[in-house]
Protein backbone atom coordinates (compact mmCIF):
# COMPACT_ATOMS: atom_id res chain seq x y z
CA MET A 1 79.78 -194.19 40.55
CA ASN A 2 81.18 -191.18 43.26
CA ALA A 3 79.03 -188.00 43.01
CA VAL A 4 81.20 -185.95 40.30
CA ASN A 5 82.28 -182.31 41.26
CA GLN A 6 80.04 -179.91 40.84
CA ASN A 7 83.15 -178.30 38.73
CA ASN A 8 83.35 -181.35 36.32
CA LEU A 9 79.58 -180.45 34.73
CA HIS A 10 80.41 -176.85 33.82
CA PRO A 11 81.52 -177.59 29.86
CA ARG A 12 84.90 -176.65 28.79
CA THR A 13 87.60 -176.90 25.74
CA GLY A 14 86.95 -181.05 25.04
CA ASP A 15 83.36 -180.63 25.18
CA ALA A 16 80.65 -180.54 22.86
CA LEU A 17 76.93 -180.89 23.09
CA LEU A 18 74.25 -183.14 20.86
CA ILE A 19 71.37 -182.70 20.59
CA VAL A 20 69.30 -185.23 19.08
CA ASP A 21 66.65 -185.62 16.56
CA VAL A 22 65.03 -181.67 18.01
CA GLN A 23 62.10 -181.52 14.45
CA ASN A 24 58.92 -180.56 13.86
CA ASP A 25 57.79 -183.66 13.27
CA PHE A 26 58.86 -185.18 16.38
CA LEU A 27 56.33 -181.55 18.53
CA PRO A 28 53.04 -181.18 18.93
CA GLY A 29 51.42 -181.00 16.45
CA GLY A 30 54.46 -183.05 14.33
CA SER A 31 53.16 -186.30 11.88
CA LEU A 32 55.36 -188.02 14.52
CA ALA A 33 54.64 -186.66 17.98
CA VAL A 34 56.88 -187.49 21.38
CA PRO A 35 54.45 -186.11 23.95
CA HIS A 36 55.43 -182.60 25.44
CA GLY A 37 58.88 -183.09 22.98
CA ASP A 38 58.01 -179.45 22.24
CA GLU A 39 59.43 -178.34 26.30
CA VAL A 40 62.96 -179.36 25.52
CA VAL A 41 63.50 -176.51 23.11
CA THR A 42 63.98 -173.82 26.41
CA VAL A 43 66.15 -176.03 28.16
CA LEU A 44 68.21 -176.51 25.34
CA ASN A 45 68.23 -172.82 24.86
CA ARG A 46 70.42 -172.20 27.96
CA TYR A 47 72.73 -175.74 26.72
CA LEU A 48 73.31 -173.51 23.81
CA LYS A 49 73.72 -170.49 25.67
CA LEU A 50 76.99 -171.66 28.17
CA PHE A 51 78.54 -173.77 25.40
CA GLU A 52 78.05 -170.48 22.30
CA THR A 53 79.69 -168.01 25.56
CA ARG A 54 82.44 -170.72 25.71
CA THR A 55 83.14 -170.81 22.05
CA LEU A 56 83.17 -175.06 23.08
CA PRO A 57 81.41 -177.12 19.54
CA VAL A 58 77.86 -177.36 18.89
CA TYR A 59 76.76 -180.69 16.40
CA ALA A 60 73.14 -181.61 16.15
CA THR A 61 71.37 -185.17 14.39
CA ARG A 62 68.53 -184.98 12.34
CA ASP A 63 66.40 -188.06 10.63
CA TRP A 64 66.38 -187.07 6.74
CA HIS A 65 64.53 -189.48 4.87
CA PRO A 66 63.73 -190.06 1.34
CA ALA A 67 60.27 -190.21 0.84
CA GLN A 68 59.76 -193.41 0.66
CA HIS A 69 62.04 -194.73 3.55
CA CYS A 70 62.18 -198.21 4.98
CA SER A 71 60.85 -197.75 8.61
CA PHE A 72 57.82 -196.67 7.89
CA ARG A 73 55.11 -198.05 7.44
CA ALA A 74 54.44 -197.92 3.85
CA GLN A 75 56.88 -199.76 3.60
CA GLY A 76 56.85 -201.98 6.61
CA GLY A 77 58.50 -199.97 8.82
CA PRO A 78 57.14 -199.18 12.81
CA TRP A 79 55.79 -195.93 11.92
CA PRO A 80 54.32 -193.19 9.95
CA PRO A 81 55.81 -190.53 7.36
CA HIS A 82 58.65 -188.72 8.70
CA CYS A 83 61.04 -186.33 8.37
CA VAL A 84 61.10 -186.77 5.36
CA ALA A 85 63.88 -184.70 3.69
CA LYS A 86 64.07 -181.10 2.97
CA THR A 87 60.10 -181.13 4.15
CA SER A 88 58.72 -178.33 6.37
CA GLY A 89 58.02 -182.42 8.99
CA ALA A 90 62.14 -182.18 9.48
CA ALA A 91 63.07 -178.87 9.80
CA PHE A 92 64.64 -178.32 13.03
CA ALA A 93 62.29 -176.98 15.70
CA ALA A 94 62.04 -173.06 14.81
CA ALA A 95 62.38 -171.62 18.07
CA LEU A 96 66.23 -174.29 18.89
CA GLN A 97 68.10 -171.19 18.66
CA LEU A 98 70.75 -173.13 16.79
CA PRO A 99 73.66 -171.37 15.46
CA PRO A 100 75.33 -171.25 12.96
CA SER A 101 78.17 -172.89 13.54
CA ALA A 102 76.55 -175.95 14.70
CA VAL A 103 77.35 -178.91 12.66
CA ILE A 104 73.98 -180.88 10.58
CA ILE A 105 74.17 -184.34 10.80
CA SER A 106 72.19 -186.22 8.78
CA LYS A 107 70.68 -189.70 9.73
CA ALA A 108 68.90 -192.56 7.85
CA ALA A 109 69.18 -190.72 4.22
CA THR A 110 68.80 -193.39 2.68
CA VAL A 111 65.97 -195.58 1.75
CA GLU A 112 66.91 -199.50 2.53
CA GLN A 113 68.79 -198.09 5.88
CA ASP A 114 67.05 -196.30 9.01
CA ALA A 115 68.88 -195.48 11.63
CA TYR A 116 68.17 -194.82 15.41
CA SER A 117 72.28 -193.11 16.85
CA GLY A 118 73.83 -190.06 15.32
CA PHE A 119 76.53 -192.82 14.30
CA GLN A 120 74.95 -195.31 12.01
CA GLY A 121 76.30 -194.02 9.10
CA THR A 122 76.89 -190.45 9.31
CA SER A 123 80.40 -189.24 9.70
CA LEU A 124 79.71 -188.18 13.34
CA ASP A 125 82.64 -189.78 15.14
CA GLN A 126 85.02 -188.70 12.63
CA GLN A 127 83.88 -185.53 13.03
CA LEU A 128 84.32 -184.83 16.86
CA ARG A 129 87.24 -186.68 16.76
CA ALA A 130 89.11 -184.37 14.40
CA ASP A 131 87.39 -181.47 16.59
CA ASN A 132 89.23 -183.50 19.55
CA ILE A 133 86.40 -184.00 21.20
CA ARG A 134 86.04 -186.19 24.81
CA ARG A 135 82.96 -185.30 26.41
CA LEU A 136 79.41 -184.98 25.08
CA PHE A 137 76.93 -183.72 26.29
CA ILE A 138 73.40 -184.81 25.03
CA GLY A 139 69.52 -184.40 24.87
CA GLY A 140 67.02 -183.50 22.21
CA LEU A 141 63.82 -186.67 21.75
CA ALA A 142 63.60 -188.87 22.07
CA THR A 143 64.81 -190.15 25.49
CA ASP A 144 63.68 -194.04 24.20
CA TYR A 145 64.30 -194.20 20.11
CA CYS A 146 67.19 -192.01 19.47
CA VAL A 147 68.81 -190.24 22.39
CA LEU A 148 68.66 -194.13 23.90
CA ASN A 149 71.24 -195.12 20.66
CA THR A 150 72.84 -192.22 20.25
CA VAL A 151 73.83 -192.48 24.42
CA ARG A 152 74.76 -196.17 23.92
CA ASP A 153 76.97 -196.05 21.00
CA ALA A 154 78.93 -192.77 22.24
CA LEU A 155 80.06 -194.26 24.97
CA ARG A 156 81.06 -197.96 22.65
CA LEU A 157 83.31 -194.96 21.42
CA GLY A 158 84.74 -193.84 24.32
CA TYR A 159 82.95 -190.68 24.87
CA GLN A 160 82.67 -189.77 28.01
CA VAL A 161 78.87 -188.48 28.38
CA LEU A 162 76.98 -186.35 30.27
CA VAL A 163 72.60 -187.13 29.33
CA LEU A 164 70.25 -183.96 29.70
CA GLY A 165 67.96 -185.14 31.75
CA ASP A 166 66.41 -181.91 31.54
CA ALA A 167 65.94 -182.11 27.81
CA ILE A 168 64.45 -185.19 26.71
CA ARG A 169 61.05 -186.45 25.91
CA ALA A 170 59.96 -190.01 25.68
CA VAL A 171 57.93 -191.98 22.87
CA ASP A 172 56.78 -194.03 25.42
CA VAL A 173 55.76 -196.76 23.10
CA GLN A 174 54.73 -198.90 26.48
CA LEU A 175 54.75 -197.44 29.37
CA GLY A 176 58.23 -196.56 31.08
CA ASP A 177 59.85 -197.35 27.92
CA GLY A 178 61.74 -193.79 27.77
CA LEU A 179 62.55 -194.31 32.28
CA ARG A 180 63.82 -198.26 31.36
CA ALA A 181 66.17 -196.01 28.85
CA GLU A 182 67.05 -193.97 31.24
CA GLU A 183 68.16 -196.42 33.53
CA GLU A 184 70.34 -198.58 31.19
CA MET A 185 71.43 -195.38 29.99
CA THR A 186 73.30 -194.38 33.67
CA LYS A 187 74.24 -198.30 34.38
CA LEU A 188 75.99 -198.38 30.77
CA GLY A 189 77.98 -194.73 31.90
CA ALA A 190 76.60 -191.78 31.23
CA GLN A 191 75.97 -189.71 34.55
CA ARG A 192 71.83 -187.61 34.29
CA ILE A 193 72.36 -184.00 34.24
CA THR A 194 69.82 -180.73 34.37
CA VAL A 195 70.93 -177.30 33.77
CA LYS A 196 70.07 -176.46 37.10
CA GLU A 197 73.71 -179.03 37.77
CA VAL A 198 75.72 -176.31 35.24
CA THR A 199 75.19 -172.98 35.09
CA GLY A 200 75.52 -173.56 39.40
């Protein structure tokens, strides 16, 4: 892939910032903590400020599970209970400076369906198309699960994708899962960027 002109990285009309699952249960101390997950917040706030100053849309996905969700170990799933709807664990990180205009997308909100992608079982695609969005800046948690699957679907649906390489962190259940996820996203057509490149 040819290097993209630096000016092309600056957010513009047709772009949206998509923040994936930056919720308390995925931060240190949470029930399904992503190592160093809290480190994404400060960087995401810089992207948020950039989008806010340009009056560009912000979307934020969240796990919004019922108490007996199929992904929980008690129901035979792989994970401890996390992000149960309306609990503090499901709340966005307190330091994350989401604007009042941010569009919140709740996923995996029924007992029988899990969803790693922000597009799965949600209205995200329809809302982005209604906003005439063609390019997505995507960051959040976790690189090897919900970020990866959201990026996969975004590319499949025809969006250009810029992955915020400095604002993602991996679970790494298997050592190297995060790196493999980043490599896959790049191979599929996403471009890895950093906030310095976007603001420079």
